[in-house]
Amino acid sequence: MTWLRMLTALVFPALLLLAGGAARAHTVAPVMIAVEESSRSLLEVRATWPAGADSLALDRLEVVPPADCRSLTPARVSRTGPDVALHARYRCERTLAGRSLQLPGIEAAQRHVFVRYERADGYAWVALLDAGQSAVAIPGVDEAPGAGAVAGSYLVIGVEHILLGFDHLLFVLCLVLLVGFNRRLVVAVTTFTLAHSVTLVLAALELVSVPGEPVEAVIALSIVLLAVEILHQQRGTLSWTAQHPWLVSLGFGLIHGLGFAGALEEVGLPGSQLPLALAMFNVGVELGQLAFVLVLFAAWRVARRGAPATASRDGHVAEPHGAPLQGPVPTAAAWVSGVLASFWLFERLL
């Protein structure tokens, strides 16, 4: 019964990751609607439906500008990799600032919808639409979104990205399997957090620029390497990685931060409140990561109930605590993680 409970508590989340991320690591993402306006009130509207979503729902989406705007090109649907996109161009008699953009059919998305509006002067504004909301009010030229709205939107973006970023979660899972629930895990996770926060900020501020494709490939490689180290540890080999997990978290955390920055670049940052948006996105990522670790810890505690106690040197009976996770379940989870990450690695390299 003990191993059945451990199988349910520890392997089931890994199987969910496998089922959810079999095609890509970031298949579940919000719908993005980008509106770019030139100095002549020329609107370029793009709606991106991520892979894994109901592509038929895109056929029901309409982007309806104000009545004084006329269509220059019929709306067309295209594919960019696995994503589906709608593209339309309009000419308006005056700026869209201070007016509304109607989005009938957007409720078919059944997920969060982010709208990004960029004026000709470079001003950018991002909004998170509530469920059922089919219109978005664009701020006026002299208006700026409230701090609360910006903070809430980017907090949600950060939480969603980490919880739906299966490769990042799989790295954390492997770190837990390698180290166990102890002080060394706290140090490793804290180091991972600090490392990816540094590169996230540097990349978001355009102080560091790295192409996204190699970054995503190295993220997959980091999971493969951790999975191999877990298997070595299960066979009784204490590797350098297992002895110094914080150094591994530091190195790969810098790479994962660039991956976070790539996702944030797709959404965009509001120029007027960039520090707040960047900080809240990072807070959202950390909250999502912490929630995932707490779920794993709760599952581990459930699995330990009924586990056989061990005798200490003085003869007292004590439960195993603080040691790396051992047994067939961590071994199976390492194999699942390694195979899945290898698939991502070859997919991204190709």
Protein backbone atom coordinates (compact mmCIF):
# COMPACT_ATOMS: atom_id res chain seq x y z
CA MET A 1 0.00 0.00 0.00
CA THR A 2 2.88 2.35 0.75
CA TRP A 3 4.29 2.14 -2.77
CA LEU A 4 0.83 2.52 -4.27
CA ARG A 5 0.40 5.78 -2.37
CA MET A 6 3.85 6.95 -3.44
CA LEU A 7 3.03 6.06 -7.04
CA THR A 8 -0.14 8.13 -6.89
CA ALA A 9 1.41 11.05 -5.02
CA LEU A 10 4.68 11.43 -6.94
CA VAL A 11 4.38 9.91 -10.39
CA PHE A 12 0.90 11.16 -11.23
CA PRO A 13 2.05 14.83 -11.43
CA ALA A 14 4.85 13.75 -13.75
CA LEU A 15 2.35 11.95 -15.97
CA LEU A 16 0.26 15.11 -16.09
CA LEU A 17 3.33 16.99 -17.24
CA LEU A 18 3.92 14.35 -19.89
CA ALA A 19 0.36 14.49 -21.18
CA GLY A 20 0.22 18.27 -21.13
CA GLY A 21 3.61 18.91 -22.68
CA ALA A 22 4.01 16.11 -25.17
CA ALA A 23 4.03 18.42 -28.18
CA ARG A 24 5.77 21.49 -26.79
CA ALA A 25 6.78 22.78 -23.38
CA HIS A 26 4.69 25.93 -23.76
CA THR A 27 1.61 24.67 -25.58
CA VAL A 28 -0.84 26.13 -23.07
CA ALA A 29 -0.57 29.89 -23.27
CA PRO A 30 -2.89 32.89 -23.31
CA VAL A 31 -4.36 34.36 -26.46
CA MET A 32 -2.42 37.47 -27.49
CA ILE A 33 -3.95 40.40 -29.39
CA ALA A 34 -1.42 43.00 -30.50
CA VAL A 35 -2.50 46.36 -31.89
CA GLU A 36 0.19 48.60 -33.39
CA GLU A 37 -0.71 52.12 -34.49
CA SER A 38 1.39 54.27 -36.82
CA SER A 39 1.49 58.06 -36.94
CA ARG A 40 -1.10 58.06 -39.74
CA SER A 41 -3.59 56.08 -37.63
CA LEU A 42 -2.80 52.90 -39.50
CA LEU A 43 -3.70 49.92 -37.31
CA GLU A 44 -1.94 46.57 -37.55
CA VAL A 45 -3.93 43.99 -35.58
CA ARG A 46 -2.62 40.49 -34.85
CA ALA A 47 -4.41 37.87 -32.77
CA THR A 48 -2.26 34.85 -31.87
CA TRP A 49 -3.97 31.61 -30.89
CA PRO A 50 -1.37 29.37 -29.22
CA ALA A 51 -0.78 25.77 -30.17
CA GLY A 52 -3.01 23.34 -28.33
CA ALA A 53 -5.96 25.73 -28.34
CA ASP A 54 -9.15 25.23 -30.31
CA SER A 55 -8.09 26.67 -33.66
CA LEU A 56 -11.70 26.66 -34.83
CA ALA A 57 -12.43 29.27 -32.17
CA LEU A 58 -10.23 31.68 -34.10
CA ASP A 59 -12.76 31.60 -36.95
CA ARG A 60 -15.34 33.10 -34.57
CA LEU A 61 -13.06 35.91 -33.44
CA GLU A 62 -13.60 39.34 -34.96
CA VAL A 63 -11.59 42.51 -34.37
CA VAL A 64 -13.95 45.44 -34.85
CA PRO A 65 -12.33 48.91 -34.69
CA PRO A 66 -14.33 52.16 -34.31
CA ALA A 67 -16.77 53.13 -37.07
CA ASP A 68 -14.38 55.66 -38.67
CA CYS A 69 -11.85 52.91 -39.47
CA ARG A 70 -11.92 51.14 -42.82
CA SER A 71 -10.35 47.84 -43.66
CA LEU A 72 -7.29 47.95 -45.93
CA THR A 73 -6.78 44.21 -46.21
CA PRO A 74 -9.22 41.41 -45.43
CA ALA A 75 -8.46 39.62 -42.18
CA ARG A 76 -6.42 36.52 -42.93
CA VAL A 77 -5.50 33.51 -40.83
CA SER A 78 -2.01 32.04 -41.00
CA ARG A 79 0.21 29.65 -39.08
CA THR A 80 3.51 30.58 -37.45
CA GLY A 81 4.99 27.27 -36.40
CA PRO A 82 2.36 25.56 -34.26
CA ASP A 83 0.53 28.82 -33.48
CA VAL A 84 -2.43 30.21 -35.42
CA ALA A 85 -2.61 33.94 -36.10
CA LEU A 86 -5.14 36.41 -37.47
CA HIS A 87 -3.82 39.55 -39.18
CA ALA A 88 -5.80 42.64 -40.25
CA ARG A 89 -5.00 46.26 -41.26
CA TYR A 90 -7.21 49.32 -40.86
CA ARG A 91 -6.99 53.04 -41.63
CA CYS A 92 -8.71 55.30 -39.08
CA GLU A 93 -9.55 58.99 -39.25
CA ARG A 94 -8.04 59.55 -35.80
CA THR A 95 -6.03 57.70 -33.19
CA LEU A 96 -7.42 54.71 -31.35
CA ALA A 97 -6.26 56.19 -28.03
CA GLY A 98 -9.20 56.92 -25.74
CA ARG A 99 -11.58 54.68 -27.68
CA SER A 100 -12.65 51.02 -27.63
CA LEU A 101 -11.82 47.96 -29.66
CA GLN A 102 -14.58 45.37 -29.97
CA LEU A 103 -13.66 41.68 -29.91
CA PRO A 104 -16.84 39.66 -30.55
CA GLY A 105 -16.25 35.93 -30.32
CA ILE A 106 -13.32 36.24 -27.91
CA GLU A 107 -15.25 34.28 -25.28
CA ALA A 108 -14.57 31.19 -27.40
CA ALA A 109 -10.94 31.38 -26.26
CA GLN A 110 -11.84 29.80 -22.89
CA ARG A 111 -8.56 31.13 -21.48
CA HIS A 112 -6.95 34.43 -20.55
CA VAL A 113 -6.66 37.04 -23.29
CA PHE A 114 -3.97 39.70 -23.24
CA VAL A 115 -4.26 42.83 -25.37
CA ARG A 116 -1.15 44.86 -26.17
CA TYR A 117 -1.54 48.34 -27.68
CA GLU A 118 1.45 50.29 -28.97
CA ARG A 119 1.28 53.87 -30.22
CA ALA A 120 3.49 55.44 -32.84
CA ASP A 121 5.55 57.19 -30.14
CA GLY A 122 6.52 53.82 -28.64
CA TYR A 123 4.10 53.94 -25.71
CA ALA A 124 2.95 50.39 -24.89
CA TRP A 125 0.01 49.28 -22.78
CA VAL A 126 -1.09 45.74 -21.84
CA ALA A 127 -4.47 44.64 -20.50
CA LEU A 128 -5.78 41.33 -19.20
CA LEU A 129 -9.38 40.74 -20.27
CA ASP A 130 -11.80 39.22 -17.82
CA ALA A 131 -13.84 36.18 -18.76
CA GLY A 132 -16.66 37.13 -21.11
CA GLN A 133 -15.25 40.61 -21.78
CA SER A 134 -15.58 41.30 -25.52
CA ALA A 135 -14.33 44.89 -25.65
CA VAL A 136 -11.23 46.68 -24.44
CA ALA A 137 -10.95 50.41 -23.70
CA ILE A 138 -7.68 51.87 -24.97
CA PRO A 139 -6.25 54.57 -22.66
CA GLY A 140 -6.12 58.11 -23.97
CA VAL A 141 -2.95 59.93 -24.98
CA ASP A 142 -2.63 61.56 -21.56
CA GLU A 143 -3.88 58.58 -19.59
CA ALA A 144 -1.89 55.82 -17.94
CA PRO A 145 -3.25 52.56 -16.55
CA GLY A 146 -3.48 52.41 -12.77
CA ALA A 147 -0.72 50.73 -10.82
CA GLY A 148 -3.16 48.15 -9.48
CA ALA A 149 -4.24 47.08 -12.97
CA VAL A 150 -0.64 46.78 -14.17
CA ALA A 151 0.43 44.85 -11.06
CA GLY A 152 -2.51 42.43 -11.26
CA SER A 153 -2.08 41.76 -14.98
CA TYR A 154 1.64 40.99 -14.82
CA LEU A 155 1.26 38.97 -11.63
CA VAL A 156 -1.20 36.70 -13.46
CA ILE A 157 1.12 36.51 -16.49
CA GLY A 158 4.00 35.40 -14.26
CA VAL A 159 2.00 32.77 -12.38
CA GLU A 160 0.53 31.37 -15.60
CA HIS A 161 3.89 31.21 -17.33
CA ILE A 162 5.60 29.15 -14.63
CA LEU A 163 2.62 26.85 -13.98
CA LEU A 164 2.07 26.27 -17.70
CA GLY A 165 5.78 26.21 -18.53
CA PHE A 166 6.26 22.48 -18.23
CA ASP A 167 10.00 22.56 -18.84
CA HIS A 168 10.63 24.95 -15.95
CA LEU A 169 8.48 22.85 -13.63
CA LEU A 170 10.20 19.68 -14.73
CA PHE A 171 13.58 21.20 -13.85
CA VAL A 172 12.31 22.02 -10.35
CA LEU A 173 10.87 18.49 -10.01
CA CYS A 174 14.23 16.97 -10.93
CA LEU A 175 15.96 19.25 -8.45
CA VAL A 176 13.64 18.00 -5.71
CA LEU A 177 14.23 14.36 -6.65
CA LEU A 178 18.00 14.89 -6.64
CA VAL A 179 18.28 16.80 -3.35
CA GLY A 180 15.25 15.77 -1.28
CA PHE A 181 13.26 17.98 1.08
CA ASN A 182 15.93 19.52 3.29
CA ARG A 183 18.03 22.63 3.80
CA ARG A 184 20.05 21.93 0.67
CA LEU A 185 16.86 22.11 -1.39
CA VAL A 186 16.05 25.52 0.11
CA VAL A 187 19.51 26.76 -0.86
CA ALA A 188 19.25 25.27 -4.37
CA VAL A 189 15.77 26.68 -5.08
CA THR A 190 16.75 30.09 -3.66
CA THR A 191 19.83 30.14 -5.89
CA PHE A 192 17.71 29.15 -8.88
CA THR A 193 15.31 32.00 -8.08
CA LEU A 194 18.05 34.61 -7.75
CA ALA A 195 19.80 33.44 -10.91
CA HIS A 196 16.79 33.50 -13.20
CA SER A 197 15.64 36.82 -11.67
CA VAL A 198 18.96 38.43 -12.68
CA THR A 199 18.87 37.34 -16.31
CA LEU A 200 15.13 38.05 -16.55
CA VAL A 201 15.72 41.67 -15.55
CA LEU A 202 18.80 42.08 -17.76
CA ALA A 203 17.06 40.65 -20.81
CA ALA A 204 13.82 42.57 -20.20
CA LEU A 205 15.80 45.82 -20.00
CA GLU A 206 17.61 44.81 -23.23
CA LEU A 207 20.99 44.78 -21.50
CA VAL A 208 21.43 41.14 -22.58
CA SER A 209 20.15 39.67 -25.83
CA VAL A 210 20.29 35.95 -26.63
CA PRO A 211 18.33 34.18 -29.42
CA GLY A 212 15.41 32.21 -28.07
CA GLU A 213 16.05 28.93 -29.90
CA PRO A 214 19.37 28.02 -28.21
CA VAL A 215 18.01 29.15 -24.84
CA GLU A 216 15.04 26.78 -25.12
CA ALA A 217 17.35 23.96 -26.20
CA VAL A 218 19.67 24.46 -23.22
CA ILE A 219 16.67 24.51 -20.87
CA ALA A 220 15.67 21.07 -22.18
CA LEU A 221 19.29 19.93 -21.84
CA SER A 222 19.35 21.03 -18.19
CA ILE A 223 16.48 18.65 -17.44
CA VAL A 224 18.20 15.78 -19.24
CA LEU A 225 21.38 16.30 -17.22
CA LEU A 226 19.50 16.40 -13.92
CA ALA A 227 17.58 13.25 -14.84
CA VAL A 228 20.87 11.44 -15.55
CA GLU A 229 22.29 12.61 -12.22
CA ILE A 230 19.20 11.31 -10.41
CA LEU A 231 19.67 7.88 -11.98
CA HIS A 232 23.35 7.86 -10.98
CA GLN A 233 22.36 8.72 -7.41
CA GLN A 234 19.75 5.95 -7.36
CA ARG A 235 22.56 3.51 -8.20
CA GLY A 236 24.65 4.74 -5.27
CA THR A 237 26.98 7.11 -7.15
CA LEU A 238 27.32 10.49 -5.41
CA SER A 239 28.05 12.86 -8.28
CA TRP A 240 29.45 16.37 -8.18
CA THR A 241 26.00 17.69 -9.11
CA ALA A 242 24.37 15.99 -6.12
CA GLN A 243 27.07 17.36 -3.81
CA HIS A 244 26.78 20.95 -5.10
CA PRO A 245 23.19 21.39 -6.34
CA TRP A 246 23.27 25.15 -5.74
CA LEU A 247 25.96 25.57 -8.39
CA VAL A 248 23.80 23.69 -10.89
CA SER A 249 20.84 25.88 -9.92
CA LEU A 250 22.96 28.97 -10.39
CA GLY A 251 24.21 28.05 -13.86
CA PHE A 252 20.98 26.74 -15.30
CA GLY A 253 18.94 29.36 -13.46
CA LEU A 254 20.64 32.03 -15.56
CA ILE A 255 19.50 30.21 -18.69
CA HIS A 256 15.94 29.68 -17.43
CA GLY A 257 15.73 33.42 -16.72
CA LEU A 258 16.37 34.11 -20.40
CA GLY A 259 13.49 31.76 -21.17
CA PHE A 260 11.21 33.74 -18.85
CA ALA A 261 12.33 36.93 -20.56
CA GLY A 262 11.44 35.49 -23.95
CA ALA A 263 7.89 34.82 -22.79
CA LEU A 264 7.65 38.31 -21.31
CA GLU A 265 8.89 39.80 -24.58
CA GLU A 266 5.93 38.22 -26.38
CA VAL A 267 3.54 40.02 -24.04
CA GLY A 268 5.49 43.27 -23.89
CA LEU A 269 6.09 45.74 -21.09
CA PRO A 270 4.32 49.07 -20.51
CA GLY A 271 6.91 51.78 -20.92
CA SER A 272 5.31 54.07 -18.34
CA GLN A 273 5.34 51.47 -15.53
CA LEU A 274 8.08 49.10 -16.63
CA PRO A 275 9.68 48.53 -13.18
CA LEU A 276 6.32 47.64 -11.60
CA ALA A 277 5.34 45.30 -14.42
CA LEU A 278 8.71 43.57 -14.42
CA ALA A 279 8.70 43.17 -10.63
CA MET A 280 5.17 41.74 -10.53
CA PHE A 281 5.90 39.31 -13.37
CA ASN A 282 8.87 38.04 -11.38
CA VAL A 283 6.76 37.80 -8.20
CA GLY A 284 4.18 35.81 -10.14
CA VAL A 285 6.85 33.40 -11.37
CA GLU A 286 8.12 32.89 -7.82
CA LEU A 287 4.64 32.36 -6.40
CA GLY A 288 3.91 29.74 -9.03
CA GLN A 289 7.22 28.01 -8.39
CA LEU A 290 6.65 28.05 -4.63
CA ALA A 291 3.15 26.61 -5.07
CA PHE A 292 4.56 23.76 -7.17
CA VAL A 293 7.23 22.93 -4.56
CA LEU A 294 4.63 22.99 -1.79
CA VAL A 295 2.43 20.58 -3.75
CA LEU A 296 5.39 18.23 -4.16
CA PHE A 297 6.18 18.52 -0.46
CA ALA A 298 2.58 17.73 0.49
CA ALA A 299 2.62 14.69 -1.81
CA TRP A 300 5.88 13.54 -0.25
CA ARG A 301 4.43 13.88 3.26
CA VAL A 302 1.43 11.81 2.24
CA ALA A 303 3.72 9.16 0.75
CA ARG A 304 5.80 8.98 3.96
CA ARG A 305 2.79 8.10 6.08
CA GLY A 306 3.02 4.43 6.74
CA ALA A 307 6.61 4.22 5.46
CA PRO A 308 8.74 1.93 7.61
CA ALA A 309 10.68 3.69 10.35
CA THR A 310 14.45 3.34 10.68
CA ALA A 311 16.51 2.89 13.80
CA SER A 312 19.06 5.55 14.69
CA ARG A 313 22.49 4.81 16.16
CA ASP A 314 21.27 5.18 19.73
CA GLY A 315 18.55 2.62 19.15
CA HIS A 316 15.65 5.08 18.92
CA VAL A 317 13.24 4.65 16.05
CA ALA A 318 13.07 7.61 13.68
CA GLU A 319 11.60 8.27 10.26
CA PRO A 320 13.95 8.98 7.38
CA HIS A 321 14.16 12.71 6.94
CA GLY A 322 16.25 15.09 4.88
CA ALA A 323 17.81 12.46 2.62
CA PRO A 324 17.52 12.39 -1.19
CA LEU A 325 14.48 10.49 -2.39
CA GLN A 326 15.25 6.85 -3.09
CA GLY A 327 13.36 3.95 -4.65
CA PRO A 328 11.59 2.91 -7.84
CA VAL A 329 9.28 5.92 -7.93
CA PRO A 330 12.06 8.60 -8.16
CA THR A 331 13.80 6.34 -10.67
CA ALA A 332 10.67 6.13 -12.83
CA ALA A 333 10.11 9.87 -12.55
CA ALA A 334 13.71 10.52 -13.64
CA TRP A 335 13.24 8.30 -16.69
CA VAL A 336 10.00 10.06 -17.63
CA SER A 337 11.61 13.48 -17.19
CA GLY A 338 14.71 12.55 -19.15
CA VAL A 339 12.83 11.05 -22.08
CA LEU A 340 10.43 13.97 -22.30
CA ALA A 341 13.22 16.54 -22.06
CA SER A 342 15.22 14.66 -24.71
CA PHE A 343 12.22 14.92 -27.02
CA TRP A 344 12.08 18.67 -26.42
CA LEU A 345 15.83 18.98 -26.95
CA PHE A 346 15.81 17.29 -30.38
CA GLU A 347 12.64 19.14 -31.38
CA ARG A 348 14.22 22.50 -30.55
CA LEU A 349 17.52 21.66 -32.21
CA LEU A 350 15.71 20.67 -35.39
